[in-house]
PDB file of N, CA and C in Angstrom:
ATOM      1  N   MET A   1      10.071  21.998  12.037  1.00  0.00           N
ATOM      2  CA  MET A   1      10.482  20.616  12.024  1.00  0.00           C
ATOM      3  C   MET A   1       9.904  19.944  13.257  1.00  0.00           C
ATOM      4  N   ILE A   2       9.478  18.698  13.085  1.00  0.00           N
ATOM      5  CA  ILE A   2       8.939  17.903  14.181  1.00  0.00           C
ATOM      6  C   ILE A   2       9.779  16.642  14.300  1.00  0.00           C
ATOM      7  N   LEU A   3      10.127  16.244  15.490  1.00  0.00           N
ATOM      8  CA  LEU A   3      10.860  15.008  15.732  1.00  0.00           C
ATOM      9  C   LEU A   3       9.982  14.138  16.606  1.00  0.00           C
ATOM     10  N   ASP A   4       9.525  13.007  16.067  1.00  0.00           N
ATOM     11  CA  ASP A   4       8.624  12.174  16.864  1.00  0.00           C
ATOM     12  C   ASP A   4       9.401  11.087  17.601  1.00  0.00           C
ATOM     13  N   LYS A   5       8.676  10.240  18.297  1.00  0.00           N
ATOM     14  CA  LYS A   5       9.323   9.255  19.175  1.00  0.00           C
ATOM     15  C   LYS A   5      10.197   8.264  18.433  1.00  0.00           C
ATOM     16  N   THR A   6       9.975   8.071  17.128  1.00  0.00           N
ATOM     17  CA  THR A   6      10.802   7.132  16.369  1.00  0.00           C
ATOM     18  C   THR A   6      12.033   7.805  15.785  1.00  0.00           C
ATOM     19  N   GLY A   7      12.117   9.111  15.936  1.00  0.00           N
ATOM     20  CA  GLY A   7      13.263   9.825  15.404  1.00  0.00           C
ATOM     21  C   GLY A   7      13.098  10.222  13.957  1.00  0.00           C
ATOM     22  N   THR A   8      11.889  10.086  13.427  1.00  0.00           N
ATOM     23  CA  THR A   8      11.628  10.478  12.056  1.00  0.00           C
ATOM     24  C   THR A   8      11.566  11.995  11.979  1.00  0.00           C
ATOM     25  N   ILE A   9      12.327  12.572  11.083  1.00  0.00           N
ATOM     26  CA  ILE A   9      12.279  14.023  10.916  1.00  0.00           C
ATOM     27  C   ILE A   9      11.260  14.339   9.833  1.00  0.00           C
ATOM     28  N   THR A  10      10.295  15.181  10.172  1.00  0.00           N
ATOM     29  CA  THR A  10       9.268  15.565   9.210  1.00  0.00           C
ATOM     30  C   THR A  10       9.228  17.074   9.088  1.00  0.00           C
ATOM     31  N   PHE A  11       8.756  17.540   7.959  1.00  0.00           N
ATOM     32  CA  PHE A  11       8.612  18.957   7.699  1.00  0.00           C
ATOM     33  C   PHE A  11       7.134  19.242   7.531  1.00  0.00           C
ATOM     34  N   GLY A  12       6.646  20.330   8.042  1.00  0.00           N
ATOM     35  CA  GLY A  12       5.279  20.795   7.955  1.00  0.00           C
ATOM     36  C   GLY A  12       4.212  19.806   7.539  1.00  0.00           C
ATOM     37  N   ASN A  13       4.361  19.150   6.393  1.00  0.00           N
ATOM     38  CA  ASN A  13       3.307  18.282   5.875  1.00  0.00           C
ATOM     39  C   ASN A  13       3.360  16.856   6.418  1.00  0.00           C
ATOM     40  N   ARG A  14       4.332  16.553   7.248  1.00  0.00           N
ATOM     41  CA  ARG A  14       4.488  15.254   7.900  1.00  0.00           C
ATOM     42  C   ARG A  14       4.744  14.108   6.929  1.00  0.00           C
ATOM     43  N   LEU A  15       5.254  14.407   5.747  1.00  0.00           N
ATOM     44  CA  LEU A  15       5.594  13.371   4.783  1.00  0.00           C
ATOM     45  C   LEU A  15       7.085  13.072   4.855  1.00  0.00           C
ATOM     46  N   ALA A  16       7.438  11.816   4.672  1.00  0.00           N
ATOM     47  CA  ALA A  16       8.850  11.435   4.676  1.00  0.00           C
ATOM     48  C   ALA A  16       9.550  12.136   3.516  1.00  0.00           C
ATOM     49  N   ALA A  17      10.714  12.696   3.786  1.00  0.00           N
ATOM     50  CA  ALA A  17      11.435  13.463   2.768  1.00  0.00           C
ATOM     51  C   ALA A  17      12.758  12.821   2.371  1.00  0.00           C
ATOM     52  N   ASP A  18      13.369  12.052   3.262  1.00  0.00           N
ATOM     53  CA  ASP A  18      14.662  11.459   2.960  1.00  0.00           C
ATOM     54  C   ASP A  18      15.000  10.408   4.000  1.00  0.00           C
ATOM     55  N   PHE A  19      15.907   9.512   3.654  1.00  0.00           N
ATOM     56  CA  PHE A  19      16.444   8.543   4.591  1.00  0.00           C
ATOM     57  C   PHE A  19      17.894   8.931   4.829  1.00  0.00           C
ATOM     58  N   ILE A  20      18.220   9.231   6.051  1.00  0.00           N
ATOM     59  CA  ILE A  20      19.576   9.685   6.373  1.00  0.00           C
ATOM     60  C   ILE A  20      20.174   8.725   7.395  1.00  0.00           C
ATOM     61  N   PRO A  21      21.088   7.861   6.947  1.00  0.00           N
ATOM     62  CA  PRO A  21      21.709   6.921   7.879  1.00  0.00           C
ATOM     63  C   PRO A  21      22.647   7.643   8.840  1.00  0.00           C
ATOM     64  N   VAL A  22      22.794   7.089  10.027  1.00  0.00           N
ATOM     65  CA  VAL A  22      23.701   7.680  11.012  1.00  0.00           C
ATOM     66  C   VAL A  22      24.943   6.808  11.165  1.00  0.00           C
ATOM     67  N   LYS A  23      26.031   7.447  11.531  1.00  0.00           N
ATOM     68  CA  LYS A  23      27.326   6.797  11.757  1.00  0.00           C
ATOM     69  C   LYS A  23      27.675   5.891  10.592  1.00  0.00           C
ATOM     70  N   ASN A  24      27.882   4.624  10.838  1.00  0.00           N
ATOM     71  CA  ASN A  24      28.306   3.693   9.788  1.00  0.00           C
ATOM     72  C   ASN A  24      27.153   2.885   9.202  1.00  0.00           C
ATOM     73  N   SER A  25      25.948   3.375   9.353  1.00  0.00           N
ATOM     74  CA  SER A  25      24.773   2.669   8.845  1.00  0.00           C
ATOM     75  C   SER A  25      24.764   2.672   7.322  1.00  0.00           C
ATOM     76  N   ASP A  26      24.141   1.652   6.764  1.00  0.00           N
ATOM     77  CA  ASP A  26      23.999   1.539   5.322  1.00  0.00           C
ATOM     78  C   ASP A  26      22.642   2.095   4.903  1.00  0.00           C
ATOM     79  N   LYS A  27      22.627   2.982   3.930  1.00  0.00           N
ATOM     80  CA  LYS A  27      21.373   3.618   3.511  1.00  0.00           C
ATOM     81  C   LYS A  27      20.386   2.591   2.965  1.00  0.00           C
ATOM     82  N   ASN A  28      20.858   1.596   2.213  1.00  0.00           N
ATOM     83  CA  ASN A  28      19.942   0.581   1.690  1.00  0.00           C
ATOM     84  C   ASN A  28      19.300  -0.222   2.808  1.00  0.00           C
ATOM     85  N   ASP A  29      20.075  -0.537   3.851  1.00  0.00           N
ATOM     86  CA  ASP A  29      19.505  -1.234   5.009  1.00  0.00           C
ATOM     87  C   ASP A  29      18.441  -0.379   5.691  1.00  0.00           C
ATOM     88  N   LEU A  30      18.725   0.907   5.802  1.00  0.00           N
ATOM     89  CA  LEU A  30      17.769   1.834   6.411  1.00  0.00           C
ATOM     90  C   LEU A  30      16.474   1.876   5.614  1.00  0.00           C
ATOM     91  N   ILE A  31      16.604   1.988   4.293  1.00  0.00           N
ATOM     92  CA  ILE A  31      15.412   2.037   3.431  1.00  0.00           C
ATOM     93  C   ILE A  31      14.616   0.746   3.550  1.00  0.00           C
ATOM     94  N   GLN A  32      15.313  -0.383   3.553  1.00  0.00           N
ATOM     95  CA  GLN A  32      14.633  -1.672   3.674  1.00  0.00           C
ATOM     96  C   GLN A  32      13.880  -1.786   4.995  1.00  0.00           C
ATOM     97  N   CYS A  33      14.522  -1.421   6.076  1.00  0.00           N
ATOM     98  CA  CYS A  33      13.878  -1.492   7.399  1.00  0.00           C
ATOM     99  C   CYS A  33      12.686  -0.542   7.484  1.00  0.00           C
ATOM    100  N   ALA A  34      12.855   0.663   6.953  1.00  0.00           N
ATOM    101  CA  ALA A  34      11.758   1.633   6.973  1.00  0.00           C
ATOM    102  C   ALA A  34      10.576   1.121   6.165  1.00  0.00           C
ATOM    103  N   ALA A  35      10.856   0.510   5.019  1.00  0.00           N
ATOM    104  CA  ALA A  35       9.784  -0.032   4.185  1.00  0.00           C
ATOM    105  C   ALA A  35       9.068  -1.168   4.899  1.00  0.00           C
ATOM    106  N   LEU A  36       9.825  -2.066   5.497  1.00  0.00           N
ATOM    107  CA  LEU A  36       9.212  -3.196   6.208  1.00  0.00           C
ATOM    108  C   LEU A  36       8.326  -2.743   7.354  1.00  0.00           C
ATOM    109  N   THR A  37       8.789  -1.770   8.103  1.00  0.00           N
ATOM    110  CA  THR A  37       8.003  -1.316   9.249  1.00  0.00           C
ATOM    111  C   THR A  37       6.804  -0.469   8.838  1.00  0.00           C
ATOM    112  N   SER A  38       6.782  -0.019   7.600  1.00  0.00           N
ATOM    113  CA  SER A  38       5.685   0.825   7.138  1.00  0.00           C
ATOM    114  C   SER A  38       4.664   0.081   6.281  1.00  0.00           C
ATOM    115  N   LEU A  39       4.915  -1.185   5.970  1.00  0.00           N
ATOM    116  CA  LEU A  39       4.017  -1.932   5.079  1.00  0.00           C
ATOM    117  C   LEU A  39       2.569  -1.938   5.553  1.00  0.00           C
ATOM    118  N   HIS A  40       2.357  -2.060   6.834  1.00  0.00           N
ATOM    119  CA  HIS A  40       0.989  -2.148   7.363  1.00  0.00           C
ATOM    120  C   HIS A  40       0.603  -0.909   8.169  1.00  0.00           C
ATOM    121  N   ASP A  41       1.332   0.165   7.969  1.00  0.00           N
ATOM    122  CA  ASP A  41       1.061   1.428   8.664  1.00  0.00           C
ATOM    123  C   ASP A  41       0.169   2.283   7.779  1.00  0.00           C
ATOM    124  N   ASP A  42      -1.101   2.415   8.160  1.00  0.00           N
ATOM    125  CA  ASP A  42      -2.058   3.164   7.348  1.00  0.00           C
ATOM    126  C   ASP A  42      -2.048   4.666   7.613  1.00  0.00           C
ATOM    127  N   THR A  43      -1.143   5.121   8.467  1.00  0.00           N
ATOM    128  CA  THR A  43      -1.081   6.558   8.732  1.00  0.00           C
ATOM    129  C   THR A  43      -0.449   7.277   7.543  1.00  0.00           C
ATOM    130  N   LEU A  44      -0.633   8.582   7.493  1.00  0.00           N
ATOM    131  CA  LEU A  44      -0.030   9.391   6.442  1.00  0.00           C
ATOM    132  C   LEU A  44       1.486   9.232   6.434  1.00  0.00           C
ATOM    133  N   GLU A  45       2.069   9.197   7.620  1.00  0.00           N
ATOM    134  CA  GLU A  45       3.517   9.058   7.727  1.00  0.00           C
ATOM    135  C   GLU A  45       3.988   7.709   7.200  1.00  0.00           C
ATOM    136  N   GLY A  46       3.267   6.657   7.577  1.00  0.00           N
ATOM    137  CA  GLY A  46       3.634   5.314   7.124  1.00  0.00           C
ATOM    138  C   GLY A  46       3.528   5.168   5.620  1.00  0.00           C
ATOM    139  N   LYS A  47       2.459   5.683   5.055  1.00  0.00           N
ATOM    140  CA  LYS A  47       2.280   5.611   3.608  1.00  0.00           C
ATOM    141  C   LYS A  47       3.358   6.400   2.877  1.00  0.00           C
ATOM    142  N   SER A  48       3.709   7.581   3.420  1.00  0.00           N
ATOM    143  CA  SER A  48       4.720   8.398   2.749  1.00  0.00           C
ATOM    144  C   SER A  48       6.103   7.767   2.870  1.00  0.00           C
ATOM    145  N   THR A  49       6.366   7.083   3.978  1.00  0.00           N
ATOM    146  CA  THR A  49       7.648   6.394   4.144  1.00  0.00           C
ATOM    147  C   THR A  49       7.781   5.273   3.130  1.00  0.00           C
ATOM    148  N   LEU A  50       6.712   4.513   2.950  1.00  0.00           N
ATOM    149  CA  LEU A  50       6.723   3.417   1.977  1.00  0.00           C
ATOM    150  C   LEU A  50       6.858   3.959   0.555  1.00  0.00           C
ATOM    151  N   GLU A  51       6.155   5.023   0.255  1.00  0.00           N
ATOM    152  CA  GLU A  51       6.245   5.631  -1.081  1.00  0.00           C
ATOM    153  C   GLU A  51       7.658   6.143  -1.350  1.00  0.00           C
ATOM    154  N   LEU A  52       8.248   6.781  -0.368  1.00  0.00           N
ATOM    155  CA  LEU A  52       9.615   7.275  -0.530  1.00  0.00           C
ATOM    156  C   LEU A  52      10.581   6.108  -0.727  1.00  0.00           C
ATOM    157  N   ALA A  53      10.390   5.029   0.010  1.00  0.00           N
ATOM    158  CA  ALA A  53      11.251   3.854  -0.158  1.00  0.00           C
ATOM    159  C   ALA A  53      11.125   3.287  -1.564  1.00  0.00           C
ATOM    160  N   ARG A  54       9.916   3.265  -2.091  1.00  0.00           N
ATOM    161  CA  ARG A  54       9.703   2.761  -3.456  1.00  0.00           C
ATOM    162  C   ARG A  54      10.401   3.646  -4.478  1.00  0.00           C
ATOM    163  N   LYS A  55      10.310   4.938  -4.282  1.00  0.00           N
ATOM    164  CA  LYS A  55      10.937   5.877  -5.224  1.00  0.00           C
ATOM    165  C   LYS A  55      12.452   5.797  -5.155  1.00  0.00           C
ATOM    166  N   MET A  56      13.020   5.758  -3.918  1.00  0.00           N
ATOM    167  CA  MET A  56      14.465   5.797  -3.735  1.00  0.00           C
ATOM    168  C   MET A  56      15.075   4.514  -4.138  1.00  0.00           C
ATOM    169  N   GLY A  57      14.346   3.835  -3.831  1.00  0.00           N
ATOM    170  CA  GLY A  57      15.045   2.667  -3.959  1.00  0.00           C
ATOM    171  C   GLY A  57      14.181   1.852  -4.735  1.00  0.00           C
ATOM    172  N   ASP A  58      14.493   2.039  -6.083  1.00  0.00           N
ATOM    173  CA  ASP A  58      14.181   1.003  -7.022  1.00  0.00           C
ATOM    174  C   ASP A  58      15.331   0.030  -6.937  1.00  0.00           C
ATOM    175  N   ASN A  59      16.004  -0.019  -5.799  1.00  0.00           N
ATOM    176  CA  ASN A  59      17.137  -0.935  -5.677  1.00  0.00           C
ATOM    177  C   ASN A  59      16.611  -2.344  -5.443  1.00  0.00           C
ATOM    178  N   PRO A  60      17.327  -3.358  -5.925  1.00  0.00           N
ATOM    179  CA  PRO A  60      16.822  -4.736  -5.876  1.00  0.00           C
ATOM    180  C   PRO A  60      16.479  -5.238  -4.479  1.00  0.00           C
ATOM    181  N   LEU A  61      17.266  -4.896  -3.488  1.00  0.00           N
ATOM    182  CA  LEU A  61      17.015  -5.383  -2.135  1.00  0.00           C
ATOM    183  C   LEU A  61      15.690  -4.854  -1.593  1.00  0.00           C
ATOM    184  N   THR A  62      15.457  -3.551  -1.749  1.00  0.00           N
ATOM    185  CA  THR A  62      14.209  -2.972  -1.275  1.00  0.00           C
ATOM    186  C   THR A  62      13.029  -3.502  -2.074  1.00  0.00           C
ATOM    187  N   ALA A  63      13.189  -3.577  -3.393  1.00  0.00           N
ATOM    188  CA  ALA A  63      12.108  -4.089  -4.236  1.00  0.00           C
ATOM    189  C   ALA A  63      11.764  -5.528  -3.872  1.00  0.00           C
ATOM    190  N   ALA A  64      12.774  -6.352  -3.645  1.00  0.00           N
ATOM    191  CA  ALA A  64      12.535  -7.751  -3.276  1.00  0.00           C
ATOM    192  C   ALA A  64      11.834  -7.857  -1.932  1.00  0.00           C
ATOM    193  N   THR A  65      12.252  -7.045  -0.985  1.00  0.00           N
ATOM    194  CA  THR A  65      11.651  -7.074   0.345  1.00  0.00           C
ATOM    195  C   THR A  65      10.190  -6.669   0.290  1.00  0.00           C
ATOM    196  N   ILE A  66       9.910  -5.577  -0.390  1.00  0.00           N
ATOM    197  CA  ILE A  66       8.525  -5.108  -0.494  1.00  0.00           C
ATOM    198  C   ILE A  66       7.670  -6.125  -1.249  1.00  0.00           C
ATOM    199  N   ALA A  67       8.206  -6.683  -2.333  1.00  0.00           N
ATOM    200  CA  ALA A  67       7.456  -7.682  -3.102  1.00  0.00           C
ATOM    201  C   ALA A  67       7.135  -8.906  -2.252  1.00  0.00           C
ATOM    202  N   GLU A  68       8.131  -9.388  -1.505  1.00  0.00           N
ATOM    203  CA  GLU A  68       7.916 -10.564  -0.661  1.00  0.00           C
ATOM    204  C   GLU A  68       6.874 -10.303   0.417  1.00  0.00           C
ATOM    205  N   GLU A  69       6.998  -9.180   1.096  1.00  0.00           N
ATOM    206  CA  GLU A  69       6.058  -8.849   2.168  1.00  0.00           C
ATOM    207  C   GLU A  69       4.646  -8.613   1.636  1.00  0.00           C
ATOM    208  N   ALA A  70       4.552  -8.097   0.410  1.00  0.00           N
ATOM    209  CA  ALA A  70       3.244  -7.809  -0.173  1.00  0.00           C
ATOM    210  C   ALA A  70       2.649  -9.038  -0.864  1.00  0.00           C
ATOM    211  N   GLY A  71       3.422 -10.124  -0.953  1.00  0.00           N
ATOM    212  CA  GLY A  71       2.928 -11.334  -1.602  1.00  0.00           C
ATOM    213  C   GLY A  71       2.926 -11.245  -3.112  1.00  0.00           C
ATOM    214  N   VAL A  72       3.815 -10.444  -3.665  1.00  0.00           N
ATOM    215  CA  VAL A  72       3.900 -10.265  -5.116  1.00  0.00           C
ATOM    216  C   VAL A  72       4.883 -11.285  -5.679  1.00  0.00           C
ATOM    217  N   ASP A  73       4.511 -11.908  -6.803  1.00  0.00           N
ATOM    218  CA  ASP A  73       5.354 -12.946  -7.393  1.00  0.00           C
ATOM    219  C   ASP A  73       6.636 -12.406  -8.021  1.00  0.00           C
ATOM    220  N   GLY A  74       6.560 -11.249  -8.648  1.00  0.00           N
ATOM    221  CA  GLY A  74       7.726 -10.718  -9.336  1.00  0.00           C
ATOM    222  C   GLY A  74       7.829  -9.218  -9.140  1.00  0.00           C
ATOM    223  N   PHE A  75       8.979  -8.677  -9.500  1.00  0.00           N
ATOM    224  CA  PHE A  75       9.187  -7.239  -9.371  1.00  0.00           C
ATOM    225  C   PHE A  75      10.245  -6.800 -10.363  1.00  0.00           C
ATOM    226  N   ILE A  76      10.280  -5.507 -10.609  1.00  0.00           N
ATOM    227  CA  ILE A  76      11.281  -4.910 -11.486  1.00  0.00           C
ATOM    228  C   ILE A  76      12.005  -3.855 -10.677  1.00  0.00           C
ATOM    229  N   ALA A  77      13.320  -3.879 -10.739  1.00  0.00           N
ATOM    230  CA  ALA A  77      14.114  -2.880 -10.013  1.00  0.00           C
ATOM    231  C   ALA A  77      15.190  -2.324 -10.936  1.00  0.00           C
ATOM    232  N   GLU A  78      15.655  -1.152 -10.586  1.00  0.00           N
ATOM    233  CA  GLU A  78      16.739  -0.484 -11.308  1.00  0.00           C
ATOM    234  C   GLU A  78      16.482  -0.388 -12.803  1.00  0.00           C
ATOM    235  N   CYS A  79      15.306   0.102 -13.153  1.00  0.00           N
ATOM    236  CA  CYS A  79      15.043   0.355 -14.564  1.00  0.00           C
ATOM    237  C   CYS A  79      14.226   1.629 -14.692  1.00  0.00           C
ATOM    238  N   LYS A  80      14.284   2.194 -15.868  1.00  0.00           N
ATOM    239  CA  LYS A  80      13.590   3.452 -16.131  1.00  0.00           C
ATOM    240  C   LYS A  80      12.095   3.208 -16.280  1.00  0.00           C
ATOM    241  N   PRO A  81      11.274   4.238 -16.041  1.00  0.00           N
ATOM    242  CA  PRO A  81       9.823   4.079 -16.178  1.00  0.00           C
ATOM    243  C   PRO A  81       9.406   3.533 -17.549  1.00  0.00           C
ATOM    244  N   GLU A  82      10.079   3.980 -18.603  1.00  0.00           N
ATOM    245  CA  GLU A  82       9.709   3.493 -19.939  1.00  0.00           C
ATOM    246  C   GLU A  82      10.008   2.001 -20.093  1.00  0.00           C
ATOM    247  N   ASP A  83      11.030   1.503 -19.385  1.00  0.00           N
ATOM    248  CA  ASP A  83      11.310   0.066 -19.407  1.00  0.00           C
ATOM    249  C   ASP A  83      10.196  -0.710 -18.715  1.00  0.00           C
ATOM    250  N   LYS A  84       9.678  -0.150 -17.637  1.00  0.00           N
ATOM    251  CA  LYS A  84       8.574  -0.796 -16.929  1.00  0.00           C
ATOM    252  C   LYS A  84       7.319  -0.832 -17.808  1.00  0.00           C
ATOM    253  N   ILE A  85       7.107   0.241 -18.547  1.00  0.00           N
ATOM    254  CA  ILE A  85       5.960   0.286 -19.462  1.00  0.00           C
ATOM    255  C   ILE A  85       6.085  -0.800 -20.525  1.00  0.00           C
ATOM    256  N   ASP A  86       7.303  -0.995 -21.031  1.00  0.00           N
ATOM    257  CA  ASP A  86       7.531  -2.058 -22.013  1.00  0.00           C
ATOM    258  C   ASP A  86       7.196  -3.430 -21.439  1.00  0.00           C
ATOM    259  N   VAL A  87       7.575  -3.670 -20.191  1.00  0.00           N
ATOM    260  CA  VAL A  87       7.271  -4.943 -19.545  1.00  0.00           C
ATOM    261  C   VAL A  87       5.757  -5.121 -19.414  1.00  0.00           C
ATOM    262  N   ILE A  88       5.059  -4.061 -19.044  1.00  0.00           N
ATOM    263  CA  ILE A  88       3.595  -4.130 -18.922  1.00  0.00           C
ATOM    264  C   ILE A  88       2.968  -4.462 -20.265  1.00  0.00           C
ATOM    265  N   LYS A  89       3.436  -3.799 -21.314  1.00  0.00           N
ATOM    266  CA  LYS A  89       2.899  -4.058 -22.657  1.00  0.00           C
ATOM    267  C   LYS A  89       3.142  -5.508 -23.076  1.00  0.00           C
ATOM    268  N   LYS A  90       4.345  -6.021 -22.813  1.00  0.00           N
ATOM    269  CA  LYS A  90       4.664  -7.412 -23.157  1.00  0.00           C
ATOM    270  C   LYS A  90       3.782  -8.380 -22.395  1.00  0.00           C
ATOM    271  N   ASN A  91       3.532  -8.104 -21.120  1.00  0.00           N
ATOM    272  CA  ASN A  91       2.662  -8.962 -20.322  1.00  0.00           C
ATOM    273  C   ASN A  91       1.230  -8.922 -20.814  1.00  0.00           C
ATOM    274  N   ARG A  92       0.795  -7.767 -21.268  1.00  0.00           N
ATOM    275  CA  ARG A  92      -0.567  -7.662 -21.835  1.00  0.00           C
ATOM    276  C   ARG A  92      -0.680  -8.513 -23.083  1.00  0.00           C
ATOM    277  N   GLN A  93       0.353  -8.496 -23.908  1.00  0.00           N
ATOM    278  CA  GLN A  93       0.345  -9.293 -25.141  1.00  0.00           C
ATOM    279  C   GLN A  93       0.292 -10.786 -24.816  1.00  0.00           C
ATOM    280  N   LYS A  94       1.039 -11.196 -23.801  1.00  0.00           N
ATOM    281  CA  LYS A  94       1.039 -12.604 -23.404  1.00  0.00           C
ATOM    282  C   LYS A  94      -0.327 -13.029 -22.889  1.00  0.00           C
ATOM    283  N   ALA A  95      -1.032 -12.102 -22.236  1.00  0.00           N
ATOM    284  CA  ALA A  95      -2.330 -12.420 -21.625  1.00  0.00           C
ATOM    285  C   ALA A  95      -3.435 -12.562 -22.666  1.00  0.00           C
ATOM    286  N   LYS A  96      -3.221 -12.025 -23.849  1.00  0.00           N
ATOM    287  CA  LYS A  96      -4.271 -12.079 -24.885  1.00  0.00           C
ATOM    288  C   LYS A  96      -4.403 -13.433 -25.517  1.00  0.00           C
TER     289      LYS A  96
END
């Protein structure tokens, strides 16, 4: 295990593995902050933190934050992958 100056705990491969809030912290707030600070981090650690935030949190707050920071007009949160595929298919039909 490696503990770097930001307090990120990494295992062998240096990829983010989990978000663990301390004391009375809110996990969604932690995920949102981690995602925001990693948006422009091109390091392996930064990319893995952002990817983990996207996976964990298909939660609306994180999705909205990432979409806003990335300049994306819309986003989908809290839905299954097959639901997202349906949305993509519907958008393709509209574009034709």
